[in-house]
Amino acid sequence: MFKRYFELLEFIGVEDDDIMELLPAPAANKRLLVLYQELRDIESVSKALQGTCSTSESGSTS
């Protein structure tokens, strides 16, 4: 959901006051982007760890 929001954000006209009232402030958008990037990092680490665990488990059974 956030990925799509940030993809569409560049196409939203900042001169349209009606739309801008509904969107977070620019400072909030920057903070959301930072949090979104951190979440993506956590997800990639989690997936890497899951891949490592499943590889270790399959090799340890005798």
PDB file of N, CA and C in Angstrom:
ATOM      1  N   MET A   1       0.815  -1.178   0.000  1.00  0.00           N
ATOM      2  CA  MET A   1       0.000   0.000   0.000  1.00  0.00           C
ATOM      3  C   MET A   1       0.872   1.260   0.000  1.00  0.00           C
ATOM      4  N   PHE A   2       1.897   1.285   0.855  1.00  0.00           N
ATOM      5  CA  PHE A   2       2.772   2.459   0.897  1.00  0.00           C
ATOM      6  C   PHE A   2       3.570   2.603  -0.388  1.00  0.00           C
ATOM      7  N   LYS A   3       3.973   1.477  -0.955  1.00  0.00           N
ATOM      8  CA  LYS A   3       4.736   1.533  -2.202  1.00  0.00           C
ATOM      9  C   LYS A   3       3.915   2.251  -3.274  1.00  0.00           C
ATOM     10  N   ARG A   4       2.673   1.861  -3.399  1.00  0.00           N
ATOM     11  CA  ARG A   4       1.801   2.473  -4.398  1.00  0.00           C
ATOM     12  C   ARG A   4       1.567   3.959  -4.093  1.00  0.00           C
ATOM     13  N   TYR A   5       1.397   4.282  -2.819  1.00  0.00           N
ATOM     14  CA  TYR A   5       1.193   5.678  -2.417  1.00  0.00           C
ATOM     15  C   TYR A   5       2.366   6.542  -2.863  1.00  0.00           C
ATOM     16  N   PHE A   6       3.583   6.083  -2.612  1.00  0.00           N
ATOM     17  CA  PHE A   6       4.751   6.882  -2.972  1.00  0.00           C
ATOM     18  C   PHE A   6       4.963   6.924  -4.485  1.00  0.00           C
ATOM     19  N   GLU A   7       4.531   5.876  -5.191  1.00  0.00           N
ATOM     20  CA  GLU A   7       4.610   5.915  -6.649  1.00  0.00           C
ATOM     21  C   GLU A   7       3.653   6.969  -7.209  1.00  0.00           C
ATOM     22  N   LEU A   8       2.471   7.058  -6.628  1.00  0.00           N
ATOM     23  CA  LEU A   8       1.465   8.002  -7.122  1.00  0.00           C
ATOM     24  C   LEU A   8       1.680   9.428  -6.634  1.00  0.00           C
ATOM     25  N   LEU A   9       2.389   9.591  -5.547  1.00  0.00           N
ATOM     26  CA  LEU A   9       2.565  10.909  -4.940  1.00  0.00           C
ATOM     27  C   LEU A   9       3.199  11.917  -5.896  1.00  0.00           C
ATOM     28  N   GLU A  10       4.095  11.462  -6.745  1.00  0.00           N
ATOM     29  CA  GLU A  10       4.755  12.394  -7.665  1.00  0.00           C
ATOM     30  C   GLU A  10       3.805  12.927  -8.736  1.00  0.00           C
ATOM     31  N   PHE A  11       2.675  12.252  -8.966  1.00  0.00           N
ATOM     32  CA  PHE A  11       1.732  12.680  -9.992  1.00  0.00           C
ATOM     33  C   PHE A  11       0.594  13.537  -9.442  1.00  0.00           C
ATOM     34  N   ILE A  12       0.537  13.666  -8.133  1.00  0.00           N
ATOM     35  CA  ILE A  12      -0.534  14.449  -7.517  1.00  0.00           C
ATOM     36  C   ILE A  12      -0.154  15.923  -7.570  1.00  0.00           C
ATOM     37  N   GLY A  13      -1.054  16.731  -8.078  1.00  0.00           N
ATOM     38  CA  GLY A  13      -0.789  18.161  -8.211  1.00  0.00           C
ATOM     39  C   GLY A  13      -0.844  18.870  -6.872  1.00  0.00           C
ATOM     40  N   VAL A  14       0.262  19.510  -6.502  1.00  0.00           N
ATOM     41  CA  VAL A  14       0.315  20.212  -5.217  1.00  0.00           C
ATOM     42  C   VAL A  14      -0.492  21.509  -5.246  1.00  0.00           C
ATOM     43  N   GLU A  15      -0.875  21.965  -6.421  1.00  0.00           N
ATOM     44  CA  GLU A  15      -1.648  23.198  -6.502  1.00  0.00           C
ATOM     45  C   GLU A  15      -3.141  22.950  -6.254  1.00  0.00           C
ATOM     46  N   ASP A  16      -3.557  21.697  -6.207  1.00  0.00           N
ATOM     47  CA  ASP A  16      -4.957  21.365  -5.936  1.00  0.00           C
ATOM     48  C   ASP A  16      -5.181  21.308  -4.422  1.00  0.00           C
ATOM     49  N   ASP A  17      -5.737  22.373  -3.876  1.00  0.00           N
ATOM     50  CA  ASP A  17      -5.922  22.488  -2.421  1.00  0.00           C
ATOM     51  C   ASP A  17      -6.851  21.422  -1.857  1.00  0.00           C
ATOM     52  N   ASP A  18      -7.863  21.024  -2.630  1.00  0.00           N
ATOM     53  CA  ASP A  18      -8.808  20.017  -2.138  1.00  0.00           C
ATOM     54  C   ASP A  18      -8.112  18.679  -1.896  1.00  0.00           C
ATOM     55  N   ILE A  19      -7.218  18.313  -2.781  1.00  0.00           N
ATOM     56  CA  ILE A  19      -6.482  17.056  -2.617  1.00  0.00           C
ATOM     57  C   ILE A  19      -5.448  17.187  -1.506  1.00  0.00           C
ATOM     58  N   MET A  20      -4.768  18.311  -1.457  1.00  0.00           N
ATOM     59  CA  MET A  20      -3.715  18.496  -0.455  1.00  0.00           C
ATOM     60  C   MET A  20      -4.261  18.482   0.975  1.00  0.00           C
ATOM     61  N   GLU A  21      -5.523  18.862   1.143  1.00  0.00           N
ATOM     62  CA  GLU A  21      -6.133  18.804   2.470  1.00  0.00           C
ATOM     63  C   GLU A  21      -6.255  17.370   2.972  1.00  0.00           C
ATOM     64  N   LEU A  22      -6.384  16.431   2.053  1.00  0.00           N
ATOM     65  CA  LEU A  22      -6.580  15.028   2.414  1.00  0.00           C
ATOM     66  C   LEU A  22      -5.269  14.276   2.620  1.00  0.00           C
ATOM     67  N   LEU A  23      -4.192  14.809   2.100  1.00  0.00           N
ATOM     68  CA  LEU A  23      -2.896  14.128   2.174  1.00  0.00           C
ATOM     69  C   LEU A  23      -2.098  14.587   3.388  1.00  0.00           C
ATOM     70  N   PRO A  24      -1.184  13.738   3.843  1.00  0.00           N
ATOM     71  CA  PRO A  24      -0.298  14.164   4.937  1.00  0.00           C
ATOM     72  C   PRO A  24       0.581  15.335   4.493  1.00  0.00           C
ATOM     73  N   ALA A  25       1.064  16.083   5.453  1.00  0.00           N
ATOM     74  CA  ALA A  25       1.956  17.208   5.169  1.00  0.00           C
ATOM     75  C   ALA A  25       3.260  16.695   4.557  1.00  0.00           C
ATOM     76  N   PRO A  26       3.978  17.541   3.805  1.00  0.00           N
ATOM     77  CA  PRO A  26       5.244  17.104   3.205  1.00  0.00           C
ATOM     78  C   PRO A  26       6.240  16.544   4.221  1.00  0.00           C
ATOM     79  N   ALA A  27       6.304  17.126   5.401  1.00  0.00           N
ATOM     80  CA  ALA A  27       7.211  16.600   6.433  1.00  0.00           C
ATOM     81  C   ALA A  27       6.789  15.196   6.858  1.00  0.00           C
ATOM     82  N   ALA A  28       5.491  14.970   6.945  1.00  0.00           N
ATOM     83  CA  ALA A  28       4.989  13.641   7.300  1.00  0.00           C
ATOM     84  C   ALA A  28       5.290  12.645   6.187  1.00  0.00           C
ATOM     85  N   ASN A  29       5.207  13.092   4.931  1.00  0.00           N
ATOM     86  CA  ASN A  29       5.545  12.211   3.811  1.00  0.00           C
ATOM     87  C   ASN A  29       7.005  11.779   3.867  1.00  0.00           C
ATOM     88  N   LYS A  30       7.884  12.703   4.230  1.00  0.00           N
ATOM     89  CA  LYS A  30       9.305  12.356   4.346  1.00  0.00           C
ATOM     90  C   LYS A  30       9.513  11.312   5.431  1.00  0.00           C
ATOM     91  N   ARG A  31       8.843  11.493   6.558  1.00  0.00           N
ATOM     92  CA  ARG A  31       8.963  10.536   7.666  1.00  0.00           C
ATOM     93  C   ARG A  31       8.381   9.181   7.266  1.00  0.00           C
ATOM     94  N   LEU A  32       7.247   9.194   6.569  1.00  0.00           N
ATOM     95  CA  LEU A  32       6.647   7.947   6.097  1.00  0.00           C
ATOM     96  C   LEU A  32       7.575   7.219   5.137  1.00  0.00           C
ATOM     97  N   LEU A  33       8.243   7.968   4.277  1.00  0.00           N
ATOM     98  CA  LEU A  33       9.170   7.357   3.334  1.00  0.00           C
ATOM     99  C   LEU A  33      10.333   6.697   4.064  1.00  0.00           C
ATOM    100  N   VAL A  34      10.870   7.353   5.068  1.00  0.00           N
ATOM    101  CA  VAL A  34      11.961   6.776   5.863  1.00  0.00           C
ATOM    102  C   VAL A  34      11.489   5.497   6.550  1.00  0.00           C
ATOM    103  N   LEU A  35      10.315   5.539   7.148  1.00  0.00           N
ATOM    104  CA  LEU A  35       9.773   4.357   7.820  1.00  0.00           C
ATOM    105  C   LEU A  35       9.511   3.226   6.830  1.00  0.00           C
ATOM    106  N   TYR A  36       9.020   3.571   5.642  1.00  0.00           N
ATOM    107  CA  TYR A  36       8.777   2.566   4.602  1.00  0.00           C
ATOM    108  C   TYR A  36      10.086   1.903   4.172  1.00  0.00           C
ATOM    109  N   GLN A  37      11.139   2.677   4.002  1.00  0.00           N
ATOM    110  CA  GLN A  37      12.435   2.113   3.626  1.00  0.00           C
ATOM    111  C   GLN A  37      12.979   1.207   4.726  1.00  0.00           C
ATOM    112  N   GLU A  38      12.796   1.594   5.985  1.00  0.00           N
ATOM    113  CA  GLU A  38      13.231   0.749   7.096  1.00  0.00           C
ATOM    114  C   GLU A  38      12.445  -0.555   7.120  1.00  0.00           C
ATOM    115  N   LEU A  39      11.159  -0.484   6.848  1.00  0.00           N
ATOM    116  CA  LEU A  39      10.329  -1.680   6.805  1.00  0.00           C
ATOM    117  C   LEU A  39      10.787  -2.619   5.697  1.00  0.00           C
ATOM    118  N   ARG A  40      11.123  -2.067   4.539  1.00  0.00           N
ATOM    119  CA  ARG A  40      11.625  -2.899   3.439  1.00  0.00           C
ATOM    120  C   ARG A  40      12.928  -3.579   3.826  1.00  0.00           C
ATOM    121  N   ASP A  41      13.806  -2.869   4.534  1.00  0.00           N
ATOM    122  CA  ASP A  41      15.062  -3.464   4.995  1.00  0.00           C
ATOM    123  C   ASP A  41      14.793  -4.615   5.956  1.00  0.00           C
ATOM    124  N   ILE A  42      13.868  -4.413   6.876  1.00  0.00           N
ATOM    125  CA  ILE A  42      13.526  -5.456   7.846  1.00  0.00           C
ATOM    126  C   ILE A  42      12.949  -6.672   7.133  1.00  0.00           C
ATOM    127  N   GLU A  43      12.085  -6.445   6.159  1.00  0.00           N
ATOM    128  CA  GLU A  43      11.494  -7.552   5.414  1.00  0.00           C
ATOM    129  C   GLU A  43      12.556  -8.344   4.662  1.00  0.00           C
ATOM    130  N   SER A  44      13.518  -7.658   4.049  1.00  0.00           N
ATOM    131  CA  SER A  44      14.548  -8.369   3.296  1.00  0.00           C
ATOM    132  C   SER A  44      15.450  -9.173   4.226  1.00  0.00           C
ATOM    133  N   VAL A  45      15.760  -8.643   5.393  1.00  0.00           N
ATOM    134  CA  VAL A  45      16.565  -9.385   6.369  1.00  0.00           C
ATOM    135  C   VAL A  45      15.788 -10.592   6.867  1.00  0.00           C
ATOM    136  N   SER A  46      14.510 -10.405   7.139  1.00  0.00           N
ATOM    137  CA  SER A  46      13.668 -11.502   7.610  1.00  0.00           C
ATOM    138  C   SER A  46      13.601 -12.620   6.574  1.00  0.00           C
ATOM    139  N   LYS A  47      13.427 -12.258   5.312  1.00  0.00           N
ATOM    140  CA  LYS A  47      13.375 -13.264   4.248  1.00  0.00           C
ATOM    141  C   LYS A  47      14.708 -13.981   4.112  1.00  0.00           C
ATOM    142  N   ALA A  48      15.797 -13.247   4.240  1.00  0.00           N
ATOM    143  CA  ALA A  48      17.122 -13.866   4.150  1.00  0.00           C
ATOM    144  C   ALA A  48      17.332 -14.848   5.293  1.00  0.00           C
ATOM    145  N   LEU A  49      16.911 -14.470   6.484  1.00  0.00           N
ATOM    146  CA  LEU A  49      17.041 -15.367   7.633  1.00  0.00           C
ATOM    147  C   LEU A  49      16.161 -16.600   7.476  1.00  0.00           C
ATOM    148  N   GLN A  50      14.976 -16.442   6.941  1.00  0.00           N
ATOM    149  CA  GLN A  50      14.095 -17.581   6.717  1.00  0.00           C
ATOM    150  C   GLN A  50      14.709 -18.535   5.701  1.00  0.00           C
ATOM    151  N   GLY A  51      15.335 -17.988   4.671  1.00  0.00           N
ATOM    152  CA  GLY A  51      15.995 -18.827   3.678  1.00  0.00           C
ATOM    153  C   GLY A  51      17.165 -19.576   4.273  1.00  0.00           C
ATOM    154  N   THR A  52      17.914 -18.928   5.151  1.00  0.00           N
ATOM    155  CA  THR A  52      19.044 -19.558   5.818  1.00  0.00           C
ATOM    156  C   THR A  52      18.567 -20.664   6.746  1.00  0.00           C
ATOM    157  N   CYS A  53      17.500 -20.418   7.487  1.00  0.00           N
ATOM    158  CA  CYS A  53      16.973 -21.417   8.423  1.00  0.00           C
ATOM    159  C   CYS A  53      16.447 -22.635   7.688  1.00  0.00           C
ATOM    160  N   SER A  54      15.732 -22.446   6.597  1.00  0.00           N
ATOM    161  CA  SER A  54      15.185 -23.591   5.874  1.00  0.00           C
ATOM    162  C   SER A  54      16.294 -24.395   5.219  1.00  0.00           C
ATOM    163  N   THR A  55      17.367 -23.749   4.785  1.00  0.00           N
ATOM    164  CA  THR A  55      18.508 -24.453   4.213  1.00  0.00           C
ATOM    165  C   THR A  55      19.222 -25.251   5.293  1.00  0.00           C
ATOM    166  N   SER A  56      19.381 -24.676   6.472  1.00  0.00           N
ATOM    167  CA  SER A  56      20.049 -25.356   7.581  1.00  0.00           C
ATOM    168  C   SER A  56      19.242 -26.551   8.048  1.00  0.00           C
ATOM    169  N   GLU A  57      17.939 -26.407   8.120  1.00  0.00           N
ATOM    170  CA  GLU A  57      17.084 -27.485   8.590  1.00  0.00           C
ATOM    171  C   GLU A  57      17.081 -28.648   7.616  1.00  0.00           C
ATOM    172  N   SER A  58      17.053 -28.382   6.330  1.00  0.00           N
ATOM    173  CA  SER A  58      17.004 -29.465   5.352  1.00  0.00           C
ATOM    174  C   SER A  58      18.324 -30.220   5.294  1.00  0.00           C
ATOM    175  N   GLY A  59      19.420 -29.565   5.585  1.00  0.00           N
ATOM    176  CA  GLY A  59      20.722 -30.222   5.555  1.00  0.00           C
ATOM    177  C   GLY A  59      21.043 -30.984   6.820  1.00  0.00           C
ATOM    178  N   SER A  60      20.355 -30.713   7.925  1.00  0.00           N
ATOM    179  CA  SER A  60      20.710 -31.331   9.199  1.00  0.00           C
ATOM    180  C   SER A  60      19.971 -32.625   9.468  1.00  0.00           C
ATOM    181  N   THR A  61      18.954 -32.959   8.689  1.00  0.00           N
ATOM    182  CA  THR A  61      18.223 -34.201   8.928  1.00  0.00           C
ATOM    183  C   THR A  61      18.987 -35.375   8.353  1.00  0.00           C
ATOM    184  N   SER A  62      19.043 -36.449   9.113  1.00  0.00           N
ATOM    185  CA  SER A  62      19.786 -37.630   8.658  1.00  0.00           C
ATOM    186  C   SER A  62      18.878 -38.798   8.477  1.00  0.00           C
TER     187      SER A  62
END
